Amino acid sequence: MAWRHLENREHASNDARRRAMMALIEAGTPVGIVAHAEGKTVGWCSVAPCETYRKLSQEQDDSEAGVWSIVCFFVPRASRGRGLASGLLDAAIDHAFAKGARTIKAYPVDQASPSYRFMGFRQMFVARGFHEIGMAGSRRHVMRLER
C-alpha cells in the first residue's frame, strides 16, 4: 500500500493496510501479480493503472490515458539473486499490455541506491526497452515503455 491512496498513511497499522488492499481486490481494482513456486507465493509485483496510485512523480500527467505503473517488487531475501524479479517484470509487462495498457511507467533506482530498492533496478528495465524520461526525487528514475 506504499503508493496507494490510504487515509492516515503514516499511522496505519499493518492490519489496516491489509484490509485496504483486500478492499481494492474485492472491488476489482488491479493491484499486481504474484509469483508461485512449489505451491507457495514467492514474489509480488505491484502493476496497475496509474490512476490507482497516488502521485508518483512531480511530472506525472494524469490526463494521459492507458498508462500503467510498476511501482514495487517483493522477493524474499532467501530467493533473491535467482532472477525472480526479472521474471516478475516480464510478467508484469505482459499483464499490463494484455489488460489494455498503451504505456508502462516505472520508477527504478540504480543498483547502488541506499533506498527505494523495492522499486527495482534501472538496468533491469533498460534491458526490456524502457527509456528514461526524467527523475522522481534524487534516486528514482522515471522510465517508460510503449507498444
N, C-alpha and C. Protein backbone atom coordinates (compact mmCIF):
# COMPACT_ATOMS: atom_id res chain seq x y z
N MET A 1 0.82 -1.21 0.00
CA MET A 1 0.00 0.00 0.00
C MET A 1 0.86 1.27 0.00
N ALA A 2 2.16 1.13 -0.13
CA ALA A 2 3.04 2.30 -0.05
C ALA A 2 2.69 3.39 -1.05
N TRP A 3 2.27 3.04 -2.25
CA TRP A 3 1.97 4.04 -3.27
C TRP A 3 0.48 4.15 -3.54
N ARG A 4 -0.33 3.51 -2.72
CA ARG A 4 -1.78 3.58 -2.90
C ARG A 4 -2.37 4.68 -2.03
N HIS A 5 -3.58 5.10 -2.40
CA HIS A 5 -4.29 6.07 -1.59
C HIS A 5 -4.71 5.38 -0.30
N LEU A 6 -4.32 5.94 0.83
CA LEU A 6 -4.64 5.36 2.13
C LEU A 6 -4.73 6.48 3.16
N GLU A 7 -5.89 6.60 3.75
CA GLU A 7 -6.09 7.62 4.77
C GLU A 7 -5.18 7.35 5.96
N ASN A 8 -4.61 8.42 6.52
CA ASN A 8 -3.76 8.32 7.70
C ASN A 8 -2.57 7.37 7.46
N ARG A 9 -1.97 7.48 6.28
CA ARG A 9 -0.91 6.58 5.83
C ARG A 9 0.20 6.36 6.86
N GLU A 10 0.67 7.44 7.46
CA GLU A 10 1.82 7.34 8.36
C GLU A 10 1.53 6.53 9.62
N HIS A 11 0.25 6.47 9.99
CA HIS A 11 -0.10 5.80 11.24
C HIS A 11 -0.93 4.54 11.03
N ALA A 12 -1.14 4.13 9.78
CA ALA A 12 -1.96 2.94 9.51
C ALA A 12 -1.23 1.69 9.95
N SER A 13 -1.93 0.83 10.63
CA SER A 13 -1.34 -0.44 11.08
C SER A 13 -1.22 -1.40 9.90
N ASN A 14 -0.44 -2.44 10.07
CA ASN A 14 -0.33 -3.46 9.03
C ASN A 14 -1.69 -4.07 8.74
N ASP A 15 -2.49 -4.26 9.77
CA ASP A 15 -3.83 -4.82 9.58
C ASP A 15 -4.70 -3.87 8.76
N ALA A 16 -4.60 -2.58 9.01
CA ALA A 16 -5.38 -1.60 8.24
C ALA A 16 -4.92 -1.59 6.78
N ARG A 17 -3.63 -1.71 6.57
CA ARG A 17 -3.10 -1.76 5.20
C ARG A 17 -3.59 -3.03 4.49
N ARG A 18 -3.58 -4.13 5.19
CA ARG A 18 -4.05 -5.40 4.62
C ARG A 18 -5.53 -5.31 4.25
N ARG A 19 -6.33 -4.72 5.14
CA ARG A 19 -7.77 -4.56 4.85
C ARG A 19 -7.98 -3.64 3.65
N ALA A 20 -7.20 -2.58 3.55
CA ALA A 20 -7.32 -1.66 2.42
C ALA A 20 -6.97 -2.37 1.11
N MET A 21 -5.93 -3.19 1.13
CA MET A 21 -5.56 -3.94 -0.07
C MET A 21 -6.65 -4.92 -0.45
N MET A 22 -7.19 -5.62 0.52
CA MET A 22 -8.27 -6.58 0.23
C MET A 22 -9.50 -5.86 -0.31
N ALA A 23 -9.78 -4.67 0.16
CA ALA A 23 -10.92 -3.90 -0.35
C ALA A 23 -10.70 -3.54 -1.82
N LEU A 24 -9.48 -3.19 -2.19
CA LEU A 24 -9.18 -2.90 -3.60
C LEU A 24 -9.41 -4.14 -4.45
N ILE A 25 -8.90 -5.26 -3.99
CA ILE A 25 -9.03 -6.52 -4.73
C ILE A 25 -10.50 -6.90 -4.87
N GLU A 26 -11.25 -6.81 -3.79
CA GLU A 26 -12.67 -7.17 -3.81
C GLU A 26 -13.48 -6.24 -4.72
N ALA A 27 -13.01 -5.00 -4.88
CA ALA A 27 -13.69 -4.04 -5.76
C ALA A 27 -13.30 -4.24 -7.23
N GLY A 28 -12.37 -5.17 -7.48
CA GLY A 28 -11.94 -5.42 -8.85
C GLY A 28 -10.86 -4.49 -9.35
N THR A 29 -10.25 -3.74 -8.47
CA THR A 29 -9.17 -2.83 -8.83
C THR A 29 -7.90 -3.64 -9.09
N PRO A 30 -7.27 -3.47 -10.25
CA PRO A 30 -6.00 -4.17 -10.47
C PRO A 30 -4.96 -3.71 -9.44
N VAL A 31 -4.24 -4.67 -8.86
CA VAL A 31 -3.23 -4.31 -7.87
C VAL A 31 -1.86 -4.89 -8.16
N GLY A 32 -1.79 -5.95 -8.93
CA GLY A 32 -0.49 -6.53 -9.22
C GLY A 32 -0.57 -8.00 -9.54
N ILE A 33 0.61 -8.61 -9.57
CA ILE A 33 0.72 -10.03 -9.87
C ILE A 33 1.57 -10.70 -8.80
N VAL A 34 1.38 -12.00 -8.65
CA VAL A 34 2.18 -12.78 -7.72
C VAL A 34 2.89 -13.90 -8.48
N ALA A 35 4.01 -14.34 -7.93
CA ALA A 35 4.75 -15.47 -8.48
C ALA A 35 4.59 -16.65 -7.52
N HIS A 36 4.35 -17.81 -8.09
CA HIS A 36 4.20 -19.03 -7.29
C HIS A 36 5.25 -20.05 -7.70
N ALA A 37 5.74 -20.81 -6.73
CA ALA A 37 6.65 -21.92 -6.97
C ALA A 37 6.39 -22.97 -5.90
N GLU A 38 6.25 -24.19 -6.34
CA GLU A 38 6.04 -25.31 -5.42
C GLU A 38 4.88 -25.06 -4.48
N GLY A 39 3.81 -24.49 -5.01
CA GLY A 39 2.61 -24.26 -4.21
C GLY A 39 2.67 -23.10 -3.24
N LYS A 40 3.73 -22.30 -3.31
CA LYS A 40 3.87 -21.17 -2.40
C LYS A 40 4.00 -19.87 -3.19
N THR A 41 3.51 -18.78 -2.60
CA THR A 41 3.72 -17.47 -3.18
C THR A 41 5.16 -17.06 -2.87
N VAL A 42 5.92 -16.73 -3.92
CA VAL A 42 7.34 -16.44 -3.73
C VAL A 42 7.74 -15.04 -4.18
N GLY A 43 6.78 -14.25 -4.63
CA GLY A 43 7.11 -12.90 -5.04
C GLY A 43 5.88 -12.13 -5.45
N TRP A 44 6.05 -10.81 -5.59
CA TRP A 44 4.94 -9.92 -5.87
C TRP A 44 5.46 -8.74 -6.68
N CYS A 45 4.65 -8.25 -7.61
CA CYS A 45 4.95 -7.02 -8.32
C CYS A 45 3.69 -6.19 -8.38
N SER A 46 3.77 -4.94 -7.93
CA SER A 46 2.64 -4.03 -7.99
C SER A 46 2.63 -3.38 -9.37
N VAL A 47 1.63 -3.74 -10.17
CA VAL A 47 1.46 -3.20 -11.52
C VAL A 47 -0.02 -2.94 -11.72
N ALA A 48 -0.36 -1.70 -12.06
CA ALA A 48 -1.78 -1.33 -12.16
C ALA A 48 -1.90 -0.01 -12.91
N PRO A 49 -3.12 0.35 -13.30
CA PRO A 49 -3.32 1.65 -13.93
C PRO A 49 -2.81 2.78 -13.04
N CYS A 50 -2.19 3.74 -13.66
CA CYS A 50 -1.56 4.86 -12.94
C CYS A 50 -2.53 5.55 -11.98
N GLU A 51 -3.78 5.68 -12.39
CA GLU A 51 -4.75 6.40 -11.56
C GLU A 51 -5.10 5.67 -10.26
N THR A 52 -4.70 4.41 -10.13
CA THR A 52 -4.98 3.69 -8.88
C THR A 52 -3.93 3.95 -7.81
N TYR A 53 -2.89 4.71 -8.18
CA TYR A 53 -1.83 5.07 -7.25
C TYR A 53 -1.93 6.55 -6.89
N ARG A 54 -1.29 6.93 -5.79
CA ARG A 54 -1.14 8.36 -5.52
C ARG A 54 -0.04 8.89 -6.44
N LYS A 55 0.21 10.16 -6.41
CA LYS A 55 1.17 10.78 -7.34
C LYS A 55 2.56 10.15 -7.17
N LEU A 56 3.13 9.71 -8.30
CA LEU A 56 4.41 9.00 -8.27
C LEU A 56 5.60 9.88 -8.64
N SER A 57 5.34 11.02 -9.30
CA SER A 57 6.41 11.96 -9.62
C SER A 57 5.79 13.33 -9.86
N GLN A 58 6.59 14.36 -9.77
CA GLN A 58 6.12 15.72 -9.97
C GLN A 58 5.62 15.95 -11.40
N GLU A 59 6.21 15.24 -12.36
CA GLU A 59 5.87 15.43 -13.76
C GLU A 59 4.69 14.56 -14.20
N GLN A 60 4.09 13.83 -13.31
CA GLN A 60 3.03 12.91 -13.68
C GLN A 60 1.87 13.63 -14.36
N ASP A 61 1.47 13.13 -15.52
CA ASP A 61 0.37 13.70 -16.30
C ASP A 61 -0.82 12.75 -16.18
N ASP A 62 -1.75 13.08 -15.31
CA ASP A 62 -2.88 12.20 -15.07
C ASP A 62 -3.91 12.22 -16.20
N SER A 63 -3.75 13.10 -17.17
CA SER A 63 -4.70 13.15 -18.28
C SER A 63 -4.37 12.13 -19.37
N GLU A 64 -3.19 11.57 -19.33
CA GLU A 64 -2.78 10.59 -20.34
C GLU A 64 -3.48 9.26 -20.07
N ALA A 65 -4.20 8.76 -21.05
CA ALA A 65 -4.96 7.52 -20.89
C ALA A 65 -4.10 6.30 -21.19
N GLY A 66 -4.46 5.18 -20.58
CA GLY A 66 -3.82 3.92 -20.87
C GLY A 66 -2.44 3.74 -20.28
N VAL A 67 -2.13 4.49 -19.22
CA VAL A 67 -0.82 4.39 -18.59
C VAL A 67 -0.92 3.50 -17.35
N TRP A 68 -0.08 2.49 -17.31
CA TRP A 68 0.04 1.64 -16.14
C TRP A 68 1.40 1.91 -15.50
N SER A 69 1.51 1.65 -14.21
CA SER A 69 2.78 1.85 -13.49
C SER A 69 3.20 0.58 -12.78
N ILE A 70 4.49 0.36 -12.77
CA ILE A 70 5.11 -0.71 -11.99
C ILE A 70 5.83 0.00 -10.86
N VAL A 71 5.39 -0.24 -9.62
CA VAL A 71 5.94 0.57 -8.52
C VAL A 71 6.69 -0.20 -7.45
N CYS A 72 6.53 -1.50 -7.39
CA CYS A 72 7.35 -2.22 -6.39
C CYS A 72 7.37 -3.71 -6.66
N PHE A 73 8.40 -4.32 -6.10
CA PHE A 73 8.60 -5.77 -6.15
C PHE A 73 8.82 -6.24 -4.73
N PHE A 74 8.42 -7.47 -4.49
CA PHE A 74 8.82 -8.12 -3.25
C PHE A 74 9.31 -9.52 -3.60
N VAL A 75 10.55 -9.77 -3.25
CA VAL A 75 11.15 -11.10 -3.38
C VAL A 75 11.80 -11.38 -2.04
N PRO A 76 11.41 -12.48 -1.37
CA PRO A 76 12.03 -12.78 -0.07
C PRO A 76 13.55 -12.85 -0.18
N ARG A 77 14.21 -12.40 0.85
CA ARG A 77 15.68 -12.37 0.86
C ARG A 77 16.29 -13.71 0.44
N ALA A 78 15.73 -14.81 0.91
CA ALA A 78 16.28 -16.14 0.59
C ALA A 78 16.16 -16.47 -0.90
N SER A 79 15.28 -15.80 -1.62
CA SER A 79 15.07 -16.09 -3.04
C SER A 79 15.73 -15.09 -3.97
N ARG A 80 16.39 -14.10 -3.44
CA ARG A 80 16.99 -13.06 -4.27
C ARG A 80 18.22 -13.59 -5.01
N GLY A 81 18.51 -12.97 -6.15
CA GLY A 81 19.68 -13.36 -6.94
C GLY A 81 19.41 -14.53 -7.86
N ARG A 82 18.16 -14.93 -7.99
CA ARG A 82 17.80 -16.08 -8.84
C ARG A 82 17.00 -15.67 -10.06
N GLY A 83 16.87 -14.38 -10.31
CA GLY A 83 16.14 -13.91 -11.48
C GLY A 83 14.64 -13.76 -11.29
N LEU A 84 14.17 -13.90 -10.07
CA LEU A 84 12.73 -13.81 -9.83
C LEU A 84 12.18 -12.42 -10.13
N ALA A 85 12.90 -11.37 -9.76
CA ALA A 85 12.43 -10.00 -10.06
C ALA A 85 12.36 -9.78 -11.57
N SER A 86 13.32 -10.29 -12.31
CA SER A 86 13.29 -10.17 -13.77
C SER A 86 12.09 -10.91 -14.35
N GLY A 87 11.81 -12.09 -13.83
CA GLY A 87 10.63 -12.84 -14.27
C GLY A 87 9.34 -12.12 -13.93
N LEU A 88 9.29 -11.53 -12.75
CA LEU A 88 8.12 -10.74 -12.37
C LEU A 88 7.96 -9.53 -13.29
N LEU A 89 9.05 -8.88 -13.62
CA LEU A 89 8.97 -7.73 -14.52
C LEU A 89 8.44 -8.15 -15.89
N ASP A 90 8.95 -9.24 -16.43
CA ASP A 90 8.46 -9.73 -17.72
C ASP A 90 6.95 -10.01 -17.66
N ALA A 91 6.54 -10.67 -16.59
CA ALA A 91 5.11 -11.00 -16.43
C ALA A 91 4.27 -9.74 -16.22
N ALA A 92 4.80 -8.76 -15.50
CA ALA A 92 4.07 -7.51 -15.27
C ALA A 92 3.88 -6.75 -16.58
N ILE A 93 4.90 -6.72 -17.41
CA ILE A 93 4.80 -6.06 -18.71
C ILE A 93 3.73 -6.74 -19.55
N ASP A 94 3.80 -8.06 -19.65
CA ASP A 94 2.81 -8.82 -20.42
C ASP A 94 1.40 -8.59 -19.88
N HIS A 95 1.27 -8.61 -18.56
CA HIS A 95 -0.03 -8.42 -17.90
C HIS A 95 -0.62 -7.06 -18.23
N ALA A 96 0.19 -6.01 -18.08
CA ALA A 96 -0.30 -4.65 -18.32
C ALA A 96 -0.76 -4.48 -19.77
N PHE A 97 0.04 -4.92 -20.71
CA PHE A 97 -0.34 -4.76 -22.11
C PHE A 97 -1.57 -5.63 -22.45
N ALA A 98 -1.66 -6.81 -21.87
CA ALA A 98 -2.83 -7.67 -22.10
C ALA A 98 -4.10 -7.04 -21.54
N LYS A 99 -3.98 -6.24 -20.50
CA LYS A 99 -5.13 -5.59 -19.88
C LYS A 99 -5.44 -4.22 -20.49
N GLY A 100 -4.72 -3.86 -21.54
CA GLY A 100 -5.06 -2.63 -22.25
C GLY A 100 -4.12 -1.45 -22.08
N ALA A 101 -3.04 -1.63 -21.37
CA ALA A 101 -2.08 -0.53 -21.23
C ALA A 101 -1.52 -0.16 -22.60
N ARG A 102 -1.33 1.13 -22.82
CA ARG A 102 -0.63 1.60 -24.03
C ARG A 102 0.80 1.99 -23.67
N THR A 103 0.98 2.36 -22.41
CA THR A 103 2.28 2.80 -21.90
C THR A 103 2.46 2.23 -20.50
N ILE A 104 3.68 1.85 -20.18
CA ILE A 104 4.01 1.42 -18.82
C ILE A 104 5.11 2.34 -18.31
N LYS A 105 4.92 2.86 -17.10
CA LYS A 105 5.95 3.66 -16.45
C LYS A 105 6.47 2.90 -15.24
N ALA A 106 7.71 3.17 -14.93
CA ALA A 106 8.35 2.55 -13.76
C ALA A 106 9.28 3.57 -13.13
N TYR A 107 9.69 3.29 -11.91
CA TYR A 107 10.44 4.27 -11.12
C TYR A 107 11.62 3.61 -10.41
N PRO A 108 12.45 2.87 -11.14
CA PRO A 108 13.54 2.12 -10.51
C PRO A 108 14.70 3.01 -10.06
N VAL A 109 15.61 2.39 -9.36
CA VAL A 109 16.80 3.08 -8.86
C VAL A 109 18.05 2.40 -9.41
N ASP A 110 19.18 3.06 -9.25
CA ASP A 110 20.46 2.44 -9.61
C ASP A 110 20.78 1.36 -8.58
N GLN A 111 21.54 0.37 -8.99
CA GLN A 111 21.88 -0.77 -8.13
C GLN A 111 22.49 -0.33 -6.79
N ALA A 112 23.25 0.75 -6.78
CA ALA A 112 23.93 1.21 -5.55
C ALA A 112 23.05 2.09 -4.66
N SER A 113 21.81 2.30 -5.04
CA SER A 113 20.94 3.19 -4.27
C SER A 113 20.73 2.65 -2.85
N PRO A 114 20.80 3.54 -1.85
CA PRO A 114 20.58 3.10 -0.47
C PRO A 114 19.10 2.98 -0.10
N SER A 115 18.20 3.44 -0.98
CA SER A 115 16.77 3.37 -0.67
C SER A 115 15.97 3.15 -1.95
N TYR A 116 14.71 2.85 -1.78
CA TYR A 116 13.77 2.60 -2.88
C TYR A 116 14.15 1.38 -3.71
N ARG A 117 14.98 0.50 -3.19
CA ARG A 117 15.41 -0.68 -3.94
C ARG A 117 14.23 -1.59 -4.27
N PHE A 118 13.16 -1.51 -3.51
CA PHE A 118 11.97 -2.32 -3.76
C PHE A 118 11.29 -1.95 -5.08
N MET A 119 11.69 -0.83 -5.68
CA MET A 119 11.08 -0.39 -6.94
C MET A 119 11.79 -0.99 -8.15
N GLY A 120 12.81 -1.80 -7.90
CA GLY A 120 13.55 -2.44 -8.98
C GLY A 120 14.76 -1.62 -9.38
N PHE A 121 15.62 -2.27 -10.16
CA PHE A 121 16.85 -1.62 -10.58
C PHE A 121 16.76 -1.16 -12.03
N ARG A 122 17.29 0.00 -12.27
CA ARG A 122 17.20 0.66 -13.57
C ARG A 122 17.61 -0.26 -14.72
N GLN A 123 18.73 -0.95 -14.58
CA GLN A 123 19.25 -1.77 -15.68
C GLN A 123 18.27 -2.87 -16.09
N MET A 124 17.52 -3.39 -15.14
CA MET A 124 16.54 -4.43 -15.44
C MET A 124 15.47 -3.89 -16.40
N PHE A 125 15.10 -2.63 -16.24
CA PHE A 125 14.10 -2.00 -17.10
C PHE A 125 14.71 -1.63 -18.45
N VAL A 126 15.93 -1.10 -18.45
CA VAL A 126 16.61 -0.75 -19.70
C VAL A 126 16.71 -1.99 -20.59
N ALA A 127 17.03 -3.14 -20.01
CA ALA A 127 17.18 -4.38 -20.77
C ALA A 127 15.88 -4.80 -21.46
N ARG A 128 14.76 -4.26 -21.01
CA ARG A 128 13.46 -4.61 -21.60
C ARG A 128 12.89 -3.49 -22.46
N GLY A 129 13.72 -2.50 -22.78
CA GLY A 129 13.31 -1.46 -23.70
C GLY A 129 12.75 -0.20 -23.08
N PHE A 130 12.72 -0.10 -21.76
CA PHE A 130 12.26 1.14 -21.12
C PHE A 130 13.31 2.22 -21.39
N HIS A 131 12.84 3.45 -21.56
CA HIS A 131 13.77 4.57 -21.70
C HIS A 131 13.45 5.62 -20.63
N GLU A 132 14.49 6.29 -20.21
CA GLU A 132 14.35 7.26 -19.13
C GLU A 132 13.75 8.56 -19.65
N ILE A 133 12.77 9.09 -18.88
CA ILE A 133 12.14 10.35 -19.26
C ILE A 133 12.29 11.42 -18.18
N GLY A 134 12.94 11.08 -17.08
CA GLY A 134 13.14 12.06 -16.01
C GLY A 134 13.50 11.40 -14.71
N MET A 135 13.41 12.18 -13.65
CA MET A 135 13.71 11.69 -12.31
C MET A 135 12.53 12.02 -11.40
N ALA A 136 12.33 11.18 -10.42
CA ALA A 136 11.36 11.44 -9.35
C ALA A 136 12.19 11.51 -8.07
N GLY A 137 12.45 12.69 -7.62
CA GLY A 137 13.36 12.85 -6.49
C GLY A 137 14.79 12.70 -6.96
N SER A 138 15.67 12.37 -6.03
CA SER A 138 17.09 12.28 -6.36
C SER A 138 17.54 10.87 -6.71
N ARG A 139 16.70 9.86 -6.49
CA ARG A 139 17.13 8.48 -6.72
C ARG A 139 16.30 7.72 -7.75
N ARG A 140 15.02 8.01 -7.85
CA ARG A 140 14.14 7.22 -8.71
C ARG A 140 14.14 7.75 -10.14
N HIS A 141 14.48 6.88 -11.07
CA HIS A 141 14.43 7.20 -12.49
C HIS A 141 12.99 6.97 -12.96
N VAL A 142 12.45 7.90 -13.74
CA VAL A 142 11.14 7.70 -14.35
C VAL A 142 11.40 7.11 -15.72
N MET A 143 10.88 5.90 -15.95
CA MET A 143 11.14 5.18 -17.20
C MET A 143 9.82 4.82 -17.86
N ARG A 144 9.88 4.68 -19.18
CA ARG A 144 8.65 4.49 -19.96
C ARG A 144 8.86 3.42 -21.04
N LEU A 145 7.83 2.61 -21.24
CA LEU A 145 7.81 1.61 -22.30
C LEU A 145 6.49 1.71 -23.02
N GLU A 146 6.55 1.74 -24.35
CA GLU A 146 5.32 1.82 -25.15
C GLU A 146 5.32 0.68 -26.15
N ARG A 147 4.12 0.24 -26.51
CA ARG A 147 3.98 -0.77 -27.56
C ARG A 147 2.99 -0.30 -28.56
